[in-house]
Protein backbone atom coordinates (compact mmCIF):
# COMPACT_ATOMS: atom_id res chain seq x y z
CA GLN A 1 17.71 41.35 -62.83
CA VAL A 2 17.78 39.61 -66.29
CA GLN A 3 14.65 40.23 -68.18
CA LEU A 4 13.37 39.68 -71.62
CA VAL A 5 10.34 41.44 -72.04
CA GLU A 6 7.99 40.95 -75.48
CA SER A 7 5.97 43.92 -76.70
CA GLY A 8 4.04 45.15 -79.96
CA GLY A 9 1.72 41.93 -79.69
CA GLY A 10 -2.36 42.41 -80.34
CA LEU A 11 -5.15 42.27 -82.71
CA VAL A 12 -4.20 42.45 -86.61
CA GLN A 13 -6.20 41.68 -89.60
CA PRO A 14 -5.51 38.91 -92.12
CA GLY A 15 -2.94 40.36 -94.20
CA GLY A 16 -1.94 42.60 -92.13
CA SER A 17 1.67 43.29 -90.42
CA LEU A 18 3.30 43.59 -86.67
CA ARG A 19 6.48 44.50 -85.23
CA LEU A 20 7.23 42.44 -82.21
CA SER A 21 10.35 43.80 -79.79
CA CYS A 22 12.32 41.52 -77.17
CA VAL A 23 14.07 43.98 -74.91
CA ALA A 24 16.98 42.37 -72.36
CA SER A 25 18.29 43.80 -69.47
CA GLY A 26 20.70 42.70 -66.84
CA PHE A 27 23.39 40.88 -69.37
CA THR A 28 25.24 41.03 -72.14
CA PHE A 29 22.73 41.09 -75.23
CA SER A 30 25.23 41.46 -78.00
CA VAL A 31 27.08 38.18 -77.41
CA TYR A 32 23.67 36.34 -77.22
CA ASP A 33 21.90 34.51 -79.91
CA ILE A 34 18.17 35.33 -80.08
CA THR A 35 15.21 32.83 -80.90
CA TRP A 36 12.01 33.71 -81.65
CA TYR A 37 9.41 30.88 -80.99
CA ARG A 38 5.65 30.75 -80.73
CA GLN A 39 2.85 28.74 -79.41
CA PRO A 40 -0.38 28.47 -80.72
CA PRO A 41 -3.40 27.73 -78.53
CA GLY A 42 -3.46 24.06 -77.53
CA LYS A 43 -0.48 23.15 -79.70
CA GLU A 44 3.38 22.79 -78.92
CA ARG A 45 5.80 25.61 -78.91
CA GLU A 46 7.30 26.12 -82.48
CA LEU A 47 10.31 27.74 -83.62
CA VAL A 48 10.15 30.86 -86.05
CA ALA A 49 13.54 32.55 -86.62
CA PHE A 50 17.04 32.80 -85.10
CA ILE A 51 19.40 35.24 -85.50
CA SER A 52 22.98 34.80 -84.09
CA ARG A 53 25.29 37.17 -82.28
CA GLY A 54 27.26 38.12 -85.33
CA GLY A 55 23.67 38.67 -87.16
CA GLY A 56 23.39 35.91 -89.33
CA THR A 57 19.76 34.64 -89.15
CA THR A 58 17.78 31.53 -90.11
CA TYR A 59 14.11 31.04 -90.76
CA VAL A 60 11.64 27.88 -90.60
CA ASP A 61 10.88 27.19 -94.38
CA TYR A 62 7.61 27.75 -94.68
CA LEU A 63 7.58 30.90 -93.15
CA LYS A 64 10.36 32.36 -94.81
CA GLY A 65 9.28 35.65 -96.62
CA ARG A 66 6.78 36.26 -94.23
CA PHE A 67 8.61 36.95 -90.59
CA THR A 68 11.87 38.90 -90.68
CA ILE A 69 14.13 38.65 -87.46
CA SER A 70 16.48 41.58 -87.04
CA ARG A 71 18.77 42.77 -83.44
CA ASP A 72 19.74 46.27 -82.57
CA ASP A 73 22.63 45.65 -79.88
CA ALA A 74 22.98 49.40 -79.18
CA LYS A 75 19.01 48.95 -77.76
CA ASN A 76 19.31 45.68 -76.26
CA THR A 77 16.61 44.47 -78.91
CA ALA A 78 15.54 41.98 -80.86
CA TYR A 79 12.67 42.17 -83.44
CA LEU A 80 10.40 40.14 -85.69
CA GLN A 81 8.26 41.51 -88.01
CA LEU A 82 5.48 39.57 -89.73
CA ASN A 83 3.90 40.75 -92.67
CA SER A 84 1.10 38.96 -94.89
CA ALA A 85 -0.49 37.59 -91.59
CA LYS A 86 -2.49 34.41 -91.18
CA PRO A 87 -5.29 33.16 -89.09
CA GLU A 88 -2.83 30.60 -88.46
CA ASP A 89 0.20 32.99 -87.22
CA THR A 90 -2.26 33.45 -83.78
CA ALA A 91 -0.21 32.53 -80.90
CA MET A 92 1.83 33.55 -77.80
CA TYR A 93 5.21 34.65 -79.38
CA LEU A 94 8.33 34.11 -76.77
CA CYS A 95 11.82 35.43 -77.16
CA LYS A 96 15.06 33.38 -76.19
CA ALA A 97 18.49 34.32 -75.79
CA GLY A 98 21.33 31.67 -75.50
CA GLY A 99 24.27 32.38 -74.60
CA ARG A 100 27.44 30.03 -73.75
CA GLU A 101 26.15 28.62 -70.72
CA LYS A 102 22.99 30.07 -69.92
CA THR A 103 19.71 30.39 -71.45
CA TYR A 104 16.92 33.33 -70.82
CA TRP A 105 13.29 33.26 -71.74
CA GLY A 106 10.91 36.17 -71.90
CA GLN A 107 7.07 36.01 -70.94
CA GLY A 108 5.75 36.05 -74.56
CA THR A 109 3.01 38.71 -76.20
CA GLN A 110 -0.12 37.59 -77.73
CA VAL A 111 -0.61 37.89 -81.71
CA THR A 112 -3.94 37.35 -82.53
CA VAL A 113 -4.83 37.20 -86.60
CA SER A 114 -8.58 37.62 -87.22
CA SER A 115 -10.93 39.95 -89.08
């Protein structure tokens, strides 16, 4: 069974940090590109960061410097590091694995940035 499971979300204070994980199973993770998205309450889903199967990364310009995407193919896991968290980072964070013919989505992990 194909699965993508996000974890690591929770409550973080402004200025704090979190590392989100996206653990894959049931498919060949190493040949899939990984994208992290987020969806704030009442807003549309937006792209945060991308990492190719070769390890190349792309970020949304206004988020670059606070977010870092990485992957560990040996662990079938992708990560999203959030530093200097802001209240506007509050959102459901979702992981997508995109292959040549197939795309898989996780269920998301909630990040809340608040005092």
